[in-house]
Amino acid sequence: MNNARRRLLLDALKLFDLVLMISAFVMAALAALSRTVTVTEFFSMRVKINNFAIFSLLIIVWHLIFSLSGLYSSHRLTSPRTEAIDVIRASTLGTLVILLGAIVFRIRLATSLFLIVFWLISTSTTLSSRLVLRVILAWVRKRGRNLRDIVIVGTNYRALEFARRLRSRPELGYRVVGFVDQDWHGMDAFRRSGYTLASDIESFLQFLRNSVVDEVMVALPFRSMHDQASRIATACEEQGITVRVLTNIFDLKIARSSAEELEGDSMITHFTGCAEGWPLLAKRVLDFTISVLGIILLSPLLVVVGALVKLTSPGPVLFVQKRLGLNKRPFDLYKFRTMALDAEERMRQIEHLNEVSGPVFKMKNDPRVTAMGKFLRKTSLDELPQLFNVLKSEMSLVGPRPLPARDYNGFNEDWQRRRFSVRPGVTCLWQIRGRSSIPFQQWMELDLQYIDKWSLWLDFQILMRTIPAVFRGSGAV
């Protein structure tokens, strides 16, 4: 597809989005005024000049939000899920702008019903239009139209695997023109693959000048061939050819990648778990809200438990211990005291009686635990003060349990330390799978499973399953 035709279709998509936005606005207005104004009366209403100006401003802002959200960039290699998230984020922000405009300009039409209907219609119609567009483009590309010619620089395994993925996804619309590389010891494997060597690295610039190339994918080993890759990227830049680079240059097995920019410097970020964004913000909002409500609603119980701890054994009500939090940041963890005052000093005397594997210490009939402490541990009431840790953002409601430095120093494998890459929690998979009754190795594996599969829905499931697990008291020590 030439640039003129692409620009025409892109302008048509922008115009279509504005039509969807105006239609959603009209439908939402009809819903908000349906009790007081008929449809005929609504369309016969006169529009004041200032209202028209405000509405025109909203249209401009809506268009800017969609453009800045990347909805008019190429989504050829973007997953449907990622594009859907971008659409939802843009329409939500656009709806919030309308709410802000209603507050500033005192627009009575923008009621809660209006905003809900507007968001639902604008989001659903935009998502549907993008889905239909994807289906149409996939149909067209599978029939040999709207294709992009790509050259892959490199003949290693990663380069061949990328080519195979493009071949298995004809709906993406890529045609591999050939490969570019110099002779090396792995070239025999490349020749057996059946792909074509279009050029060697030395004559690649001449090849670019004389061939139809839309994109160049660089898959060279950067450590040994950085200079060659740099020259190729510069040549593509000079000729206006899109350059892509396979981001997993370190051959990482778990980490995912994202592209970021800081004052003109582009970066590739490798991360495990969930990247910073609205899901983590939503998790923090939920943590803060639930911890505040929990502290308020449970305050009578907190007072009663605290009084019982104080009356049944000498010492403070709370047990405060240094634990390791996010990326091993130390913080003071709060629990109701369940042990005698000299528990730390007596640790060396009973350390050999440890009943669990690994560096952690667990003992079912620990002689240091008070009578009241046994009840608190069985019911997990000793954990309630950690709501204050959640409130202070030192912990989350759901996450790997925070460990003391003593236990951390006993770790003998680095993969276990990845559990500290997220904020620790009051409960996690370990709590609902048996707690102290499961071995240390499985405990660590469950923590990493939580990190790799994290979602708000998973947090909700764990919270809901924690309640019956606490009542059963299974694995509590």
Protein backbone atom coordinates (compact mmCIF):
# COMPACT_ATOMS: atom_id res chain seq x y z
CA MET A 1 0.00 0.00 0.00
CA ASN A 2 1.48 3.36 -1.06
CA ASN A 3 1.73 6.28 1.35
CA ALA A 4 -1.02 8.33 -0.33
CA ARG A 5 -3.55 5.50 -0.07
CA ARG A 6 -2.53 4.74 3.51
CA ARG A 7 -2.91 8.41 4.46
CA LEU A 8 -6.36 8.49 2.85
CA LEU A 9 -7.51 5.40 4.74
CA LEU A 10 -6.06 6.76 7.98
CA ASP A 11 -7.96 10.04 7.55
CA ALA A 12 -11.11 8.04 6.89
CA LEU A 13 -10.55 6.09 10.13
CA LYS A 14 -10.09 9.32 12.09
CA LEU A 15 -13.29 10.75 10.62
CA PHE A 16 -15.12 7.50 11.40
CA ASP A 17 -13.97 7.66 15.04
CA LEU A 18 -15.29 11.22 15.32
CA VAL A 19 -18.63 10.09 13.89
CA LEU A 20 -18.74 7.31 16.49
CA MET A 21 -17.97 9.81 19.24
CA ILE A 22 -20.71 12.21 18.09
CA SER A 23 -23.20 9.32 17.79
CA ALA A 24 -22.31 8.14 21.29
CA PHE A 25 -22.77 11.69 22.58
CA VAL A 26 -26.23 11.96 20.98
CA MET A 27 -27.32 8.54 22.27
CA ALA A 28 -26.11 9.36 25.77
CA ALA A 29 -27.92 12.70 25.67
CA LEU A 30 -31.13 10.97 24.59
CA ALA A 31 -30.77 8.50 27.48
CA ALA A 32 -30.16 11.31 29.98
CA LEU A 33 -33.09 13.44 28.73
CA SER A 34 -35.49 10.59 27.92
CA ARG A 35 -37.61 11.27 31.02
CA THR A 36 -38.16 14.96 30.26
CA VAL A 37 -37.73 15.39 26.48
CA THR A 38 -39.05 13.37 23.55
CA VAL A 39 -36.85 12.40 20.62
CA THR A 40 -38.59 14.94 18.35
CA GLU A 41 -38.14 17.72 20.90
CA PHE A 42 -34.49 16.77 21.35
CA PHE A 43 -33.62 17.10 17.66
CA SER A 44 -35.60 20.34 17.37
CA MET A 45 -33.69 22.00 20.22
CA ARG A 46 -31.63 25.05 19.30
CA VAL A 47 -27.91 24.85 19.88
CA LYS A 48 -26.34 27.94 21.41
CA ILE A 49 -23.06 29.25 20.03
CA ASN A 50 -21.17 28.72 23.27
CA ASN A 51 -22.47 25.12 23.53
CA PHE A 52 -21.36 24.50 19.96
CA ALA A 53 -17.91 25.91 20.78
CA ILE A 54 -17.61 23.66 23.85
CA PHE A 55 -18.70 20.62 21.86
CA SER A 56 -16.20 21.44 19.09
CA LEU A 57 -13.46 21.71 21.71
CA LEU A 58 -14.45 18.28 23.09
CA ILE A 59 -14.20 16.81 19.59
CA ILE A 60 -10.69 18.22 19.17
CA VAL A 61 -9.60 16.92 22.58
CA TRP A 62 -11.14 13.49 21.82
CA HIS A 63 -9.17 13.32 18.58
CA LEU A 64 -5.94 14.32 20.35
CA ILE A 65 -6.46 11.65 23.02
CA PHE A 66 -6.95 8.95 20.38
CA SER A 67 -3.88 10.12 18.46
CA LEU A 68 -1.65 10.32 21.54
CA SER A 69 -2.87 6.87 22.63
CA GLY A 70 -1.40 5.41 19.45
CA LEU A 71 -4.73 4.35 17.94
CA TYR A 72 -3.69 5.67 14.52
CA SER A 73 -0.26 4.04 14.51
CA SER A 74 0.40 0.77 12.71
CA HIS A 75 -0.97 -2.20 14.67
CA ARG A 76 0.26 -4.82 12.24
CA LEU A 77 2.40 -6.50 14.93
CA THR A 78 0.24 -5.46 17.89
CA SER A 79 -1.91 -8.11 19.57
CA PRO A 80 -5.71 -7.58 19.62
CA ARG A 81 -5.58 -7.51 23.43
CA THR A 82 -3.03 -4.68 23.48
CA GLU A 83 -5.03 -2.64 20.96
CA ALA A 84 -8.22 -3.24 22.97
CA ILE A 85 -6.50 -1.96 26.12
CA ASP A 86 -5.37 1.16 24.23
CA VAL A 87 -8.94 1.77 23.03
CA ILE A 88 -10.42 1.34 26.52
CA ARG A 89 -7.79 3.61 28.04
CA ALA A 90 -8.40 6.31 25.39
CA SER A 91 -12.21 6.22 25.63
CA THR A 92 -12.04 6.27 29.43
CA LEU A 93 -9.74 9.29 29.39
CA GLY A 94 -12.02 10.98 26.86
CA THR A 95 -15.04 10.39 29.11
CA LEU A 96 -13.15 11.84 32.07
CA VAL A 97 -12.39 14.93 29.97
CA ILE A 98 -16.11 15.33 29.30
CA LEU A 99 -16.75 15.05 33.04
CA LEU A 100 -14.10 17.69 33.70
CA GLY A 101 -15.59 19.94 31.01
CA ALA A 102 -19.04 19.50 32.54
CA ILE A 103 -17.70 20.63 35.92
CA VAL A 104 -15.79 23.62 34.51
CA PHE A 105 -18.52 24.82 32.13
CA ARG A 106 -21.44 23.68 34.35
CA ILE A 107 -23.03 21.42 31.75
CA ARG A 108 -26.11 19.90 33.36
CA LEU A 109 -26.49 17.34 30.58
CA ALA A 110 -23.42 15.37 31.76
CA THR A 111 -25.15 13.33 34.46
CA SER A 112 -23.84 10.02 35.73
CA LEU A 113 -26.27 8.20 33.39
CA PHE A 114 -25.02 10.26 30.44
CA LEU A 115 -21.35 9.46 31.20
CA ILE A 116 -21.99 5.74 31.67
CA VAL A 117 -23.99 5.43 28.43
CA PHE A 118 -21.47 7.55 26.54
CA TRP A 119 -18.53 5.43 27.75
CA LEU A 120 -20.27 2.14 27.01
CA ILE A 121 -21.32 3.16 23.48
CA SER A 122 -18.05 4.88 22.51
CA THR A 123 -15.91 2.04 23.86
CA SER A 124 -17.96 -0.81 22.39
CA THR A 125 -18.33 0.80 18.95
CA THR A 126 -14.64 1.71 18.71
CA LEU A 127 -13.60 -1.77 19.81
CA SER A 128 -16.00 -3.32 17.29
CA SER A 129 -14.70 -1.10 14.49
CA ARG A 130 -11.11 -2.07 15.26
CA LEU A 131 -12.04 -5.75 15.32
CA VAL A 132 -13.83 -5.47 11.97
CA LEU A 133 -10.83 -3.60 10.54
CA ARG A 134 -8.51 -6.38 11.73
CA VAL A 135 -10.69 -9.02 10.09
CA ILE A 136 -10.82 -7.10 6.80
CA LEU A 137 -7.07 -6.46 6.74
CA ALA A 138 -6.33 -10.11 7.56
CA TRP A 139 -8.60 -11.20 4.68
CA VAL A 140 -6.90 -8.77 2.29
CA ARG A 141 -3.37 -9.75 3.33
CA LYS A 142 -4.03 -13.47 3.02
CA ARG A 143 -4.89 -12.77 -0.62
CA GLY A 144 -1.57 -11.11 -1.34
CA ARG A 145 -2.54 -7.45 -0.88
CA ASN A 146 -1.31 -4.84 1.60
CA LEU A 147 1.97 -6.73 2.04
CA ARG A 148 5.25 -5.37 3.40
CA ASP A 149 8.58 -6.66 2.11
CA ILE A 150 10.98 -7.34 4.95
CA VAL A 151 14.67 -8.28 4.95
CA ILE A 152 16.11 -10.15 7.95
CA VAL A 153 19.72 -9.36 8.82
CA GLY A 154 21.21 -12.44 10.45
CA THR A 155 20.95 -16.18 9.86
CA ASN A 156 21.06 -17.49 13.42
CA TYR A 157 18.34 -19.46 15.18
CA ARG A 158 16.52 -16.35 16.39
CA ALA A 159 16.39 -14.94 12.84
CA LEU A 160 15.06 -18.20 11.39
CA GLU A 161 12.49 -18.54 14.16
CA PHE A 162 11.25 -15.00 13.49
CA ALA A 163 10.86 -15.79 9.79
CA ARG A 164 8.90 -18.96 10.60
CA ARG A 165 6.55 -16.98 12.82
CA LEU A 166 5.91 -14.47 10.05
CA ARG A 167 5.22 -17.31 7.61
CA SER A 168 2.77 -18.92 10.07
CA ARG A 169 0.88 -15.61 10.43
CA PRO A 170 -0.09 -14.58 6.87
CA GLU A 171 -2.71 -12.19 8.29
CA LEU A 172 0.17 -9.93 9.39
CA GLY A 173 0.98 -9.26 5.75
CA TYR A 174 4.76 -9.73 5.67
CA ARG A 175 6.78 -11.13 2.79
CA VAL A 176 10.36 -12.17 3.61
CA VAL A 177 12.50 -10.95 0.70
CA GLY A 178 15.56 -12.74 2.01
CA PHE A 179 18.31 -12.86 4.61
CA VAL A 180 21.53 -10.92 4.93
CA ASP A 181 24.67 -12.24 6.66
CA GLN A 182 28.32 -13.09 6.23
CA ASP A 183 29.70 -16.61 6.13
CA TRP A 184 29.95 -18.23 9.58
CA HIS A 185 30.06 -21.71 11.13
CA GLY A 186 26.24 -21.93 11.41
CA MET A 187 25.56 -21.19 7.75
CA ASP A 188 24.98 -24.88 6.93
CA ALA A 189 21.92 -24.94 9.18
CA PHE A 190 20.61 -21.84 7.40
CA ARG A 191 21.07 -23.39 3.96
CA ARG A 192 19.09 -26.45 5.06
CA SER A 193 16.21 -24.18 6.11
CA GLY A 194 15.30 -23.40 2.52
CA TYR A 195 15.42 -19.62 2.90
CA THR A 196 17.25 -17.35 0.45
CA LEU A 197 20.44 -15.40 1.22
CA ALA A 198 19.70 -12.10 -0.55
CA SER A 199 23.01 -10.43 0.16
CA ASP A 200 26.08 -10.46 2.33
CA ILE A 201 26.66 -7.68 4.87
CA GLU A 202 29.31 -5.86 2.83
CA SER A 203 27.06 -5.43 -0.23
CA PHE A 204 23.82 -4.93 1.72
CA LEU A 205 23.80 -1.14 1.25
CA GLN A 206 23.87 -1.60 -2.51
CA PHE A 207 21.10 -4.19 -2.18
CA LEU A 208 18.97 -1.63 -0.31
CA ARG A 209 19.47 0.95 -3.05
CA ASN A 210 18.31 -1.40 -5.80
CA SER A 211 15.56 -3.45 -4.08
CA VAL A 212 12.03 -2.95 -2.79
CA VAL A 213 12.38 -3.10 1.01
CA ASP A 214 9.77 -1.79 3.43
CA GLU A 215 11.35 -3.00 6.67
CA VAL A 216 14.61 -4.45 7.94
CA MET A 217 14.74 -6.76 10.96
CA VAL A 218 18.16 -6.85 12.64
CA ALA A 219 18.87 -10.17 14.39
CA LEU A 220 22.65 -10.05 14.56
CA PRO A 221 24.64 -10.94 17.70
CA PHE A 222 25.21 -7.44 19.08
CA ARG A 223 28.32 -8.24 21.09
CA SER A 224 30.40 -9.34 18.11
CA MET A 225 28.66 -7.45 15.29
CA HIS A 226 27.57 -4.16 16.84
CA ASP A 227 29.45 -2.04 14.27
CA GLN A 228 27.82 -3.84 11.31
CA ALA A 229 24.34 -3.56 12.88
CA SER A 230 24.93 0.15 13.52
CA ARG A 231 25.92 0.80 9.90
CA ILE A 232 22.85 -1.05 8.64
CA ALA A 233 20.52 0.92 10.94
CA THR A 234 22.10 4.20 9.81
CA ALA A 235 21.70 3.28 6.14
CA CYS A 236 18.04 2.41 6.68
CA GLU A 237 17.52 5.70 8.51
CA GLU A 238 19.02 7.63 5.59
CA GLN A 239 16.72 5.89 3.11
CA GLY A 240 13.59 6.12 5.28
CA ILE A 241 13.29 2.35 5.76
CA THR A 242 11.75 1.06 8.99
CA VAL A 243 14.22 -0.81 11.21
CA ARG A 244 13.20 -3.36 13.81
CA VAL A 245 15.43 -5.12 16.34
CA LEU A 246 14.69 -8.38 18.12
CA THR A 247 14.64 -7.19 21.72
CA ASN A 248 15.70 -10.41 23.46
CA ILE A 249 19.38 -9.78 22.77
CA PHE A 250 20.33 -11.39 26.09
CA ASP A 251 18.37 -14.61 25.42
CA LEU A 252 16.34 -14.22 28.62
CA LYS A 253 13.84 -17.01 29.35
CA ILE A 254 11.26 -15.35 31.62
CA ALA A 255 11.54 -11.56 31.32
CA ARG A 256 9.29 -9.64 28.95
CA SER A 257 10.28 -6.51 27.04
CA SER A 258 8.85 -3.05 26.52
CA ALA A 259 10.09 -0.01 24.62
CA GLU A 260 10.49 3.27 26.49
CA GLU A 261 12.02 6.67 25.90
CA LEU A 262 13.74 9.25 28.11
CA GLU A 263 14.40 12.67 26.57
CA GLY A 264 15.11 11.21 23.15
CA ASP A 265 17.03 8.14 24.33
CA SER A 266 15.22 4.93 23.40
CA MET A 267 15.44 2.00 25.81
CA ILE A 268 14.43 -1.64 25.85
CA THR A 269 13.22 -2.66 29.29
CA HIS A 270 13.25 -6.30 30.41
CA PHE A 271 10.99 -7.14 33.34
CA THR A 272 9.26 -10.03 35.06
CA GLY A 273 5.85 -9.89 36.68
CA CYS A 274 3.65 -6.92 35.82
CA ALA A 275 5.04 -3.71 34.35
CA GLU A 276 4.17 -0.35 35.88
CA GLY A 277 0.76 0.81 34.68
CA TRP A 278 -2.92 1.01 35.52
CA PRO A 279 -3.23 -2.60 36.85
CA LEU A 280 -0.65 -1.92 39.57
CA LEU A 281 -2.27 1.45 40.26
CA ALA A 282 -5.63 -0.28 40.63
CA LYS A 283 -4.02 -2.86 42.95
CA ARG A 284 -2.62 -0.08 45.13
CA VAL A 285 -5.99 1.74 45.24
CA LEU A 286 -7.69 -1.51 46.31
CA ASP A 287 -5.00 -2.15 48.94
CA PHE A 288 -5.43 1.33 50.39
CA THR A 289 -9.25 1.21 50.33
CA ILE A 290 -9.60 -2.26 51.83
CA SER A 291 -6.94 -1.64 54.49
CA VAL A 292 -8.65 1.59 55.61
CA LEU A 293 -12.06 -0.10 55.73
CA GLY A 294 -10.55 -3.14 57.46
CA ILE A 295 -8.90 -1.05 60.16
CA ILE A 296 -12.12 0.90 60.79
CA LEU A 297 -14.45 -2.10 60.81
CA LEU A 298 -12.08 -4.35 62.78
CA SER A 299 -10.96 -1.70 65.28
CA PRO A 300 -13.09 -3.20 68.12
CA LEU A 301 -11.56 -6.63 67.46
CA LEU A 302 -8.05 -5.11 67.32
CA VAL A 303 -8.60 -3.48 70.71
CA VAL A 304 -9.94 -6.70 72.26
CA VAL A 305 -7.11 -8.85 70.90
CA GLY A 306 -4.53 -6.31 71.98
CA ALA A 307 -5.98 -6.25 75.51
CA LEU A 308 -5.95 -10.07 75.71
CA VAL A 309 -2.29 -10.19 74.60
CA LYS A 310 -1.38 -7.63 77.25
CA LEU A 311 -3.33 -9.35 80.04
CA THR A 312 -2.20 -12.94 79.36
CA SER A 313 1.60 -12.45 79.15
CA PRO A 314 4.13 -9.76 80.03
CA GLY A 315 5.49 -7.64 77.20
CA PRO A 316 4.30 -5.33 74.43
CA VAL A 317 1.09 -5.89 72.49
CA LEU A 318 2.77 -5.78 69.09
CA PHE A 319 5.71 -7.79 67.81
CA VAL A 320 7.75 -5.61 65.45
CA GLN A 321 10.37 -7.29 63.27
CA LYS A 322 12.52 -6.17 60.36
CA ARG A 323 11.43 -7.88 57.16
CA LEU A 324 12.54 -7.56 53.55
CA GLY A 325 10.02 -5.98 51.20
CA LEU A 326 9.99 -4.83 47.58
CA ASN A 327 13.44 -5.43 46.07
CA LYS A 328 14.70 -6.28 49.58
CA ARG A 329 13.82 -2.90 51.15
CA PRO A 330 13.75 -3.40 54.94
CA PHE A 331 10.61 -2.39 56.84
CA ASP A 332 9.03 -2.99 60.25
CA LEU A 333 6.36 -5.71 60.10
CA TYR A 334 3.60 -5.54 62.71
CA LYS A 335 1.99 -8.58 64.33
CA PHE A 336 0.23 -9.24 67.60
CA ARG A 337 2.85 -10.75 69.90
CA THR A 338 2.43 -14.52 70.16
CA MET A 339 5.70 -15.45 71.88
CA ALA A 340 7.45 -14.84 75.18
CA LEU A 341 9.70 -11.80 75.53
CA ASP A 342 12.93 -13.82 75.27
CA ALA A 343 11.87 -15.66 72.09
CA GLU A 344 14.72 -14.27 69.99
CA GLU A 345 17.35 -15.23 72.60
CA ARG A 346 15.98 -18.79 72.86
CA MET A 347 16.07 -19.29 69.10
CA ARG A 348 19.54 -20.86 69.13
CA GLN A 349 18.44 -23.44 71.70
CA ILE A 350 15.66 -24.86 69.51
CA GLU A 351 16.97 -24.12 66.00
CA HIS A 352 17.92 -27.77 65.54
CA LEU A 353 14.25 -28.75 66.03
CA ASN A 354 13.16 -27.05 62.80
CA GLU A 355 10.33 -29.07 61.16
CA VAL A 356 10.41 -27.56 57.68
CA SER A 357 12.98 -27.63 54.89
CA GLY A 358 14.97 -24.64 53.74
CA PRO A 359 16.21 -21.61 55.65
CA VAL A 360 12.91 -20.73 57.35
CA PHE A 361 12.14 -21.93 60.89
CA LYS A 362 8.78 -23.52 61.72
CA MET A 363 7.92 -25.68 64.72
CA LYS A 364 4.45 -26.99 65.48
CA ASN A 365 4.82 -27.03 69.28
CA ASP A 366 7.20 -24.13 69.69
CA PRO A 367 7.81 -23.74 73.47
CA ARG A 368 8.22 -19.97 73.05
CA VAL A 369 4.59 -19.50 71.93
CA THR A 370 2.18 -18.31 74.63
CA ALA A 371 -1.24 -19.86 75.26
CA MET A 372 -2.91 -16.82 73.72
CA GLY A 373 -0.38 -16.90 70.90
CA LYS A 374 -1.43 -20.43 69.89
CA PHE A 375 -5.01 -19.26 69.47
CA LEU A 376 -3.98 -16.15 67.51
CA ARG A 377 -1.79 -18.18 65.17
CA LYS A 378 -4.47 -20.81 64.64
CA THR A 379 -7.00 -18.14 63.66
CA SER A 380 -4.44 -15.87 61.93
CA LEU A 381 -5.63 -12.98 64.10
CA ASP A 382 -1.98 -12.18 64.83
CA GLU A 383 -1.65 -11.00 61.21
CA LEU A 384 -4.32 -8.25 61.47
CA PRO A 385 -1.90 -5.40 62.36
CA GLN A 386 -0.32 -5.90 58.95
CA LEU A 387 -3.24 -3.87 57.59
CA PHE A 388 -1.20 -0.89 58.78
CA ASN A 389 1.76 -2.13 56.71
CA VAL A 390 -0.58 -2.30 53.71
CA LEU A 391 -1.83 1.21 54.46
CA LYS A 392 1.78 2.46 54.49
CA SER A 393 2.35 0.71 51.10
CA GLU A 394 5.08 -1.45 52.62
CA MET A 395 2.94 -4.50 51.87
CA SER A 396 0.02 -5.47 49.67
CA LEU A 397 -3.02 -7.53 50.57
CA VAL A 398 -1.83 -10.27 48.22
CA GLY A 399 1.80 -11.09 47.53
CA PRO A 400 4.68 -13.34 48.66
CA ARG A 401 5.05 -13.38 52.44
CA PRO A 402 7.80 -11.03 53.71
CA LEU A 403 10.77 -12.85 55.20
CA PRO A 404 13.30 -11.72 57.82
CA ALA A 405 16.92 -11.13 56.79
CA ARG A 406 17.92 -14.36 58.61
CA ASP A 407 15.81 -16.46 56.24
CA TYR A 408 16.94 -14.52 53.17
CA ASN A 409 20.60 -15.12 54.01
CA GLY A 410 19.83 -18.85 53.94
CA PHE A 411 18.71 -18.79 50.28
CA ASN A 412 21.08 -20.85 48.14
CA GLU A 413 19.59 -20.29 44.66
CA ASP A 414 19.15 -16.94 42.94
CA TRP A 415 15.89 -17.87 41.23
CA GLN A 416 14.28 -17.91 44.68
CA ARG A 417 15.21 -14.23 45.16
CA ARG A 418 12.84 -13.18 42.35
CA ARG A 419 10.01 -13.32 44.88
CA PHE A 420 11.33 -9.99 46.20
CA SER A 421 10.68 -8.27 42.86
CA VAL A 422 7.08 -7.54 43.93
CA ARG A 423 5.59 -6.00 47.04
CA PRO A 424 5.11 -8.63 49.81
CA GLY A 425 1.59 -9.49 50.92
CA VAL A 426 -0.56 -10.55 53.83
CA THR A 427 -1.70 -13.62 51.91
CA CYS A 428 -0.69 -15.49 48.77
CA LEU A 429 -0.91 -18.92 47.13
CA TRP A 430 1.18 -20.37 49.97
CA GLN A 431 -1.53 -19.48 52.52
CA ILE A 432 -4.33 -21.17 50.61
CA ARG A 433 -2.31 -24.28 49.65
CA GLY A 434 -1.40 -25.47 53.16
CA ARG A 435 0.94 -22.83 54.62
CA SER A 436 3.63 -24.44 56.81
CA SER A 437 2.64 -27.96 55.73
CA ILE A 438 4.22 -27.52 52.28
CA PRO A 439 8.02 -27.73 51.74
CA PHE A 440 10.14 -24.62 51.23
CA GLN A 441 10.93 -25.44 47.58
CA GLN A 442 7.22 -25.64 46.68
CA TRP A 443 6.56 -22.46 48.65
CA MET A 444 9.09 -20.56 46.53
CA GLU A 445 7.65 -22.06 43.33
CA LEU A 446 4.15 -20.92 44.33
CA ASP A 447 5.44 -17.39 44.90
CA LEU A 448 6.99 -17.29 41.43
CA GLN A 449 3.83 -18.78 39.95
CA TYR A 450 1.90 -15.89 41.49
CA ILE A 451 4.34 -13.33 40.04
CA ASP A 452 4.27 -14.80 36.53
CA LYS A 453 0.47 -15.18 36.40
CA TRP A 454 -0.48 -12.06 38.34
CA SER A 455 -3.73 -10.26 37.61
CA LEU A 456 -6.35 -8.40 39.64
CA TRP A 457 -8.64 -11.40 39.17
CA LEU A 458 -6.00 -13.71 40.68
CA ASP A 459 -5.72 -11.39 43.70
CA PHE A 460 -9.48 -11.51 44.14
CA GLN A 461 -9.50 -15.32 43.96
CA ILE A 462 -6.72 -15.59 46.56
CA LEU A 463 -8.50 -13.19 48.93
CA MET A 464 -11.75 -15.14 48.63
CA ARG A 465 -9.99 -18.48 49.24
CA THR A 466 -7.97 -17.12 52.16
CA ILE A 467 -11.09 -16.71 54.33
CA PRO A 468 -12.08 -20.42 54.40
CA ALA A 469 -8.39 -21.39 54.71
CA VAL A 470 -8.14 -19.26 57.86
CA PHE A 471 -11.28 -20.80 59.32
CA ARG A 472 -9.91 -24.31 58.66
CA GLY A 473 -6.60 -23.31 60.26
CA SER A 474 -4.83 -25.70 57.91
CA GLY A 475 -1.04 -25.59 58.13
CA ALA A 476 -1.03 -22.87 60.77
CA VAL A 477 1.97 -22.99 63.09
